[in-house]
Protein backbone atom coordinates (compact mmCIF):
# COMPACT_ATOMS: atom_id res chain seq x y z
CA MET A 1 139.72 119.60 143.16
CA GLN A 2 137.12 119.07 140.06
CA TYR A 3 135.72 116.39 141.37
CA ALA A 4 134.76 118.06 144.49
CA SER A 5 133.86 120.98 142.60
CA ALA A 6 131.56 118.85 140.79
CA ASN A 7 129.99 117.43 143.89
CA ARG A 8 129.40 121.09 145.28
CA GLN A 9 127.43 121.94 142.21
CA LEU A 10 125.13 118.75 142.11
CA ALA A 11 124.70 119.69 146.27
CA TYR A 12 123.71 123.18 144.91
CA GLU A 13 121.20 121.89 142.19
CA LEU A 14 119.72 119.67 144.84
CA VAL A 15 118.74 121.93 147.28
CA SER A 16 117.47 124.64 144.54
CA GLY A 17 115.43 121.57 143.20
CA VAL A 18 114.31 120.20 146.59
CA SER A 19 113.50 123.80 148.26
CA GLY A 20 111.66 124.64 144.53
CA LEU A 21 109.43 121.57 144.75
CA LEU A 22 108.26 122.27 148.39
CA LEU A 23 107.59 125.36 147.77
CA ALA A 24 105.62 124.57 144.58
CA LEU A 25 103.90 122.08 146.48
CA PHE A 26 103.07 124.80 149.40
CA MET A 27 101.53 127.08 146.52
CA PHE A 28 98.85 124.50 145.30
CA GLY A 29 97.95 124.14 149.22
CA HIS A 30 98.42 128.10 149.41
CA THR A 31 95.99 128.88 146.09
CA PHE A 32 93.20 126.36 148.13
CA LEU A 33 94.09 127.95 151.34
CA VAL A 34 93.52 131.47 150.16
CA GLY A 35 90.90 130.49 147.96
CA SER A 36 88.28 130.10 151.00
CA ILE A 37 87.67 133.67 150.21
CA LEU A 38 85.18 132.63 147.29
CA ALA A 39 83.00 131.20 149.32
CA GLY A 40 82.89 134.65 151.76
CA GLU A 41 84.86 136.19 154.68
CA ARG A 42 83.36 133.93 157.14
CA SER A 43 84.60 130.73 155.60
CA PHE A 44 88.45 132.95 155.15
CA ASP A 45 88.28 133.44 158.84
CA TRP A 46 87.34 129.74 159.68
CA VAL A 47 89.83 128.78 157.42
CA ALA A 48 92.64 130.66 159.13
CA THR A 49 91.49 129.81 162.27
CA VAL A 50 91.84 126.44 162.46
CA LEU A 51 95.44 126.58 161.30
CA GLU A 52 95.87 129.20 163.66
CA VAL A 53 94.49 127.30 166.93
CA LEU A 54 96.18 123.67 165.68
CA TYR A 55 99.33 125.36 165.59
CA ILE A 56 100.06 124.89 161.79
CA ALA A 57 100.19 128.47 160.33
CA GLN A 58 102.62 129.63 162.83
CA PRO A 59 105.73 127.13 162.16
CA THR A 60 104.39 127.03 158.31
CA VAL A 61 105.29 130.62 157.65
CA VAL A 62 108.27 130.71 159.30
CA ILE A 63 109.55 127.07 157.17
CA ILE A 64 108.26 129.01 153.92
CA PHE A 65 109.98 132.24 154.93
CA VAL A 66 113.25 129.99 155.52
CA LEU A 67 112.14 127.71 152.17
CA PHE A 68 111.87 130.88 150.19
CA LEU A 69 115.62 132.66 151.13
CA LEU A 70 117.30 129.18 150.81
CA HIS A 71 115.78 128.96 147.40
CA ALA A 72 116.62 132.25 146.08
CA ALA A 73 120.27 132.25 147.49
CA PHE A 74 120.84 129.09 145.34
CA ALA A 75 118.70 129.78 142.48
CA SER A 76 119.87 132.96 142.11
CA ARG A 77 123.27 131.08 140.99
CA LYS A 78 122.45 131.23 137.58
CA ILE A 79 120.88 134.59 137.12
CA PRO A 80 123.49 136.82 135.45
CA ALA A 81 125.15 138.88 137.75
CA GLN A 82 127.50 141.47 135.57
CA LEU A 83 125.67 144.44 133.37
CA ALA A 84 127.34 142.62 130.24
CA GLU A 85 125.95 139.30 130.97
CA ARG A 86 122.74 140.76 131.45
CA ARG A 87 122.88 142.49 128.32
CA ARG A 88 124.08 139.39 126.39
CA MET A 89 120.56 137.56 128.22
CA ILE A 90 118.32 140.53 127.05
CA LYS A 91 119.30 140.25 123.33
CA LEU A 92 119.07 136.19 123.16
CA ALA A 93 115.70 136.79 124.38
CA SER A 94 115.05 139.33 121.58
CA ASP A 95 116.80 137.15 118.77
CA LEU A 96 115.06 134.24 119.83
CA ALA A 97 111.51 136.26 119.86
CA ARG A 98 112.45 137.45 116.36
CA ALA A 99 113.29 134.15 115.51
CA GLY A 100 110.18 132.62 116.49
CA ARG A 101 108.29 134.70 114.27
CA LYS A 102 110.36 133.71 111.02
CA ARG A 103 109.41 130.77 109.01
CA PRO A 104 111.66 129.33 107.01
CA ALA A 105 111.54 128.89 103.49
CA ALA A 106 111.71 125.40 102.85
CA ALA A 107 111.42 122.29 105.88
CA THR A 108 115.11 121.86 105.66
CA GLU A 109 115.59 125.35 106.03
CA LEU A 110 116.28 126.50 109.64
CA SER A 111 117.23 129.58 110.80
CA PRO A 112 120.38 128.80 113.77
CA LEU A 113 118.51 131.60 116.14
CA GLN A 114 114.99 129.79 115.24
CA SER A 115 113.09 130.25 119.15
CA HIS A 116 114.25 127.36 121.67
CA VAL A 117 111.45 126.94 123.88
CA GLU A 118 113.48 125.87 126.60
CA SER A 119 116.09 129.28 126.71
CA VAL A 120 112.83 131.26 126.11
CA LEU A 121 111.09 129.77 129.58
CA TRP A 122 114.60 129.73 131.06
CA ILE A 123 114.89 133.60 130.51
CA TRP A 124 111.16 133.93 131.57
CA GLN A 125 112.02 132.05 134.84
CA VAL A 126 114.97 134.34 135.96
CA ARG A 127 112.45 137.36 135.27
CA THR A 128 109.61 135.99 136.98
CA GLY A 129 112.24 134.80 139.69
CA MET A 130 113.35 138.32 140.33
CA VAL A 131 110.19 139.97 140.72
CA ILE A 132 109.11 137.24 143.06
CA LEU A 133 111.65 137.51 145.01
CA VAL A 134 110.73 141.36 145.66
CA LEU A 135 107.37 141.16 146.39
CA GLY A 136 107.68 137.32 147.54
CA SER A 137 109.32 138.87 150.20
CA PHE A 138 107.09 142.14 150.96
CA HIS A 139 104.58 139.15 151.02
CA LEU A 140 106.12 137.14 153.90
CA VAL A 141 107.17 139.95 155.90
CA MET A 142 103.63 140.60 156.23
CA MET A 143 102.49 137.36 156.41
CA VAL A 144 104.73 136.89 159.59
CA LEU A 145 103.74 140.15 161.36
CA ASP A 146 99.94 138.93 160.95
CA VAL A 147 100.43 135.24 162.23
CA LEU A 148 102.83 135.61 165.16
CA THR A 149 101.76 139.70 166.17
CA PRO A 150 98.77 141.78 166.80
CA LEU A 151 100.76 144.61 164.89
CA PHE A 152 97.74 144.62 162.18
CA GLY A 153 93.95 144.26 162.74
CA GLU A 154 92.39 143.45 165.93
CA ARG A 155 93.57 140.22 166.89
CA VAL A 156 97.32 137.81 166.27
CA GLY A 157 96.39 135.91 163.06
CA ILE A 158 95.18 136.35 159.59
CA GLU A 159 92.11 137.78 159.28
CA ALA A 160 89.31 138.64 156.47
CA ALA A 161 88.74 142.11 157.51
CA THR A 162 92.52 143.23 157.48
CA THR A 163 93.24 141.21 154.19
CA LEU A 164 90.36 142.59 152.34
CA GLU A 165 91.56 146.32 153.46
CA ARG A 166 94.75 145.94 152.07
CA GLU A 167 93.78 144.46 149.01
CA ARG A 168 90.95 147.24 148.42
CA ALA A 169 93.86 149.88 149.47
CA GLY A 170 95.62 149.10 146.12
CA LEU A 171 97.94 146.18 147.06
CA TRP A 172 95.83 143.99 144.73
CA ILE A 173 97.94 145.44 141.84
CA LEU A 174 101.07 144.02 143.53
CA TYR A 175 99.39 140.82 144.41
CA ALA A 176 98.08 140.98 140.78
CA ILE A 177 101.50 140.94 139.54
CA LEU A 178 102.98 138.30 142.04
CA THR A 179 100.21 135.93 140.98
CA VAL A 180 101.40 135.91 137.38
CA CYS A 181 104.51 135.72 137.96
CA VAL A 182 104.23 132.91 140.67
CA ALA A 183 102.24 131.03 138.29
CA PHE A 184 104.46 131.14 135.27
CA HIS A 185 107.50 130.42 137.97
CA THR A 186 106.20 127.19 139.83
CA ALA A 187 104.58 125.69 136.32
CA THR A 188 107.75 126.39 134.71
CA GLY A 189 109.99 125.64 137.35
CA LEU A 190 108.17 122.39 137.39
CA TYR A 191 108.37 121.42 134.26
CA ARG A 192 112.08 122.21 133.94
CA LEU A 193 112.87 119.99 136.87
CA ALA A 194 111.51 117.17 135.62
CA VAL A 195 113.41 117.56 132.34
CA LYS A 196 116.13 118.12 134.18
CA TRP A 197 115.62 114.84 136.32
CA GLY A 198 114.55 112.39 134.37
CA VAL A 199 110.86 112.56 134.31
CA GLY A 200 111.30 113.24 130.79
CA ALA A 201 112.90 109.86 129.85
CA ARG A 202 108.99 108.56 131.08
CA PHE A 203 106.56 110.97 129.66
CA LYS A 204 107.27 113.07 126.25
CA ARG A 205 107.89 116.42 126.63
CA GLU A 206 105.14 117.56 124.85
CA THR A 207 103.26 115.72 127.62
CA LEU A 208 104.80 117.23 130.13
CA ARG A 209 104.38 120.82 128.52
CA TRP A 210 100.64 119.64 128.45
CA ILE A 211 100.91 119.48 132.21
CA GLU A 212 102.76 122.90 132.80
CA HIS A 213 100.44 124.70 130.65
CA ILE A 214 96.98 123.05 133.33
CA ILE A 215 99.16 124.17 136.27
CA LEU A 216 99.58 127.56 134.98
CA TRP A 217 96.30 128.19 133.86
CA THR A 218 94.52 126.57 136.81
CA MET A 219 96.84 129.03 139.32
CA LEU A 220 95.85 132.13 137.08
CA GLY A 221 92.03 131.08 136.83
CA ALA A 222 91.73 130.68 140.93
CA GLY A 223 94.04 133.53 141.76
CA ALA A 224 92.35 135.84 139.10
CA ALA A 225 89.21 134.67 140.56
CA THR A 226 90.69 135.62 144.35
CA LEU A 227 91.98 138.72 143.61
CA ALA A 228 88.54 139.67 141.86
CA VAL A 229 86.54 139.02 145.49
CA MET A 230 89.47 140.49 147.15
CA ALA A 231 89.24 143.78 145.57
CA GLY A 232 86.06 144.02 145.71
CA LEU A 233 85.19 143.69 142.02
CA LEU A 234 83.49 139.99 141.94
CA PRO A 235 80.88 139.34 145.08
CA PRO A 236 81.67 135.93 146.24
CA PRO A 237 80.34 133.72 143.61
CA LEU A 238 80.81 130.25 146.01
CA SER A 239 78.95 132.34 148.93
CA GLY A 240 76.03 129.83 149.06
CA LEU A 241 77.83 126.79 149.84
CA ILE A 242 77.84 128.42 153.76
CA GLY A 243 74.51 129.88 155.50
CA ARG A 244 75.14 133.62 156.68
CA GLY A 245 75.13 133.05 160.39
CA PRO A 246 73.64 135.42 163.16
């Protein structure tokens, strides 16, 4: 019985880890493709049209939706389900934050509640994951409707005009929150996945943390620039790369 339970837990971990890795790889591509708006609306529409004409966008949005739900279901096993457990998690986060601000009186004098990076990362990964579950579901439903139906816009598919109209109507605020949560969740998730599955045996954790920071700030920077253009706060900085056309 215990052997079967251990195998089941391992299978759950594999499904959670592999689905998370695939979603992280998708997010790298997604960041690049959506960033085409930095070169203007024509660039954004061209990228969207190519993906739709080649029938890449249609199956991809469905596959990602399924992966998203699968990852949410298996990863959420570790989220405290009971109110008492959630209160203990909040208290732990508070204790770690307070301990992190304290310095021991001597090098040999360490507080038992001294800030533990791994625990803090896990707590915030849970928190950002819960936000992503709500806002990410909303975004994915919108994308499925855009790619597969003419419900919004003038045609079936993603188009710059409809996307910019939504953002400038106020949705950029929700997407700003989602961008921050996704960047943190992706970077932290890859770091913890690397540590969990033994990559840390070849690389020092300091090296993995540097990689995590690079991923985090790259995604945040690209996401902030993209949102600023979509919200109308910034003109497309790379618009000179393509001609204006007729």
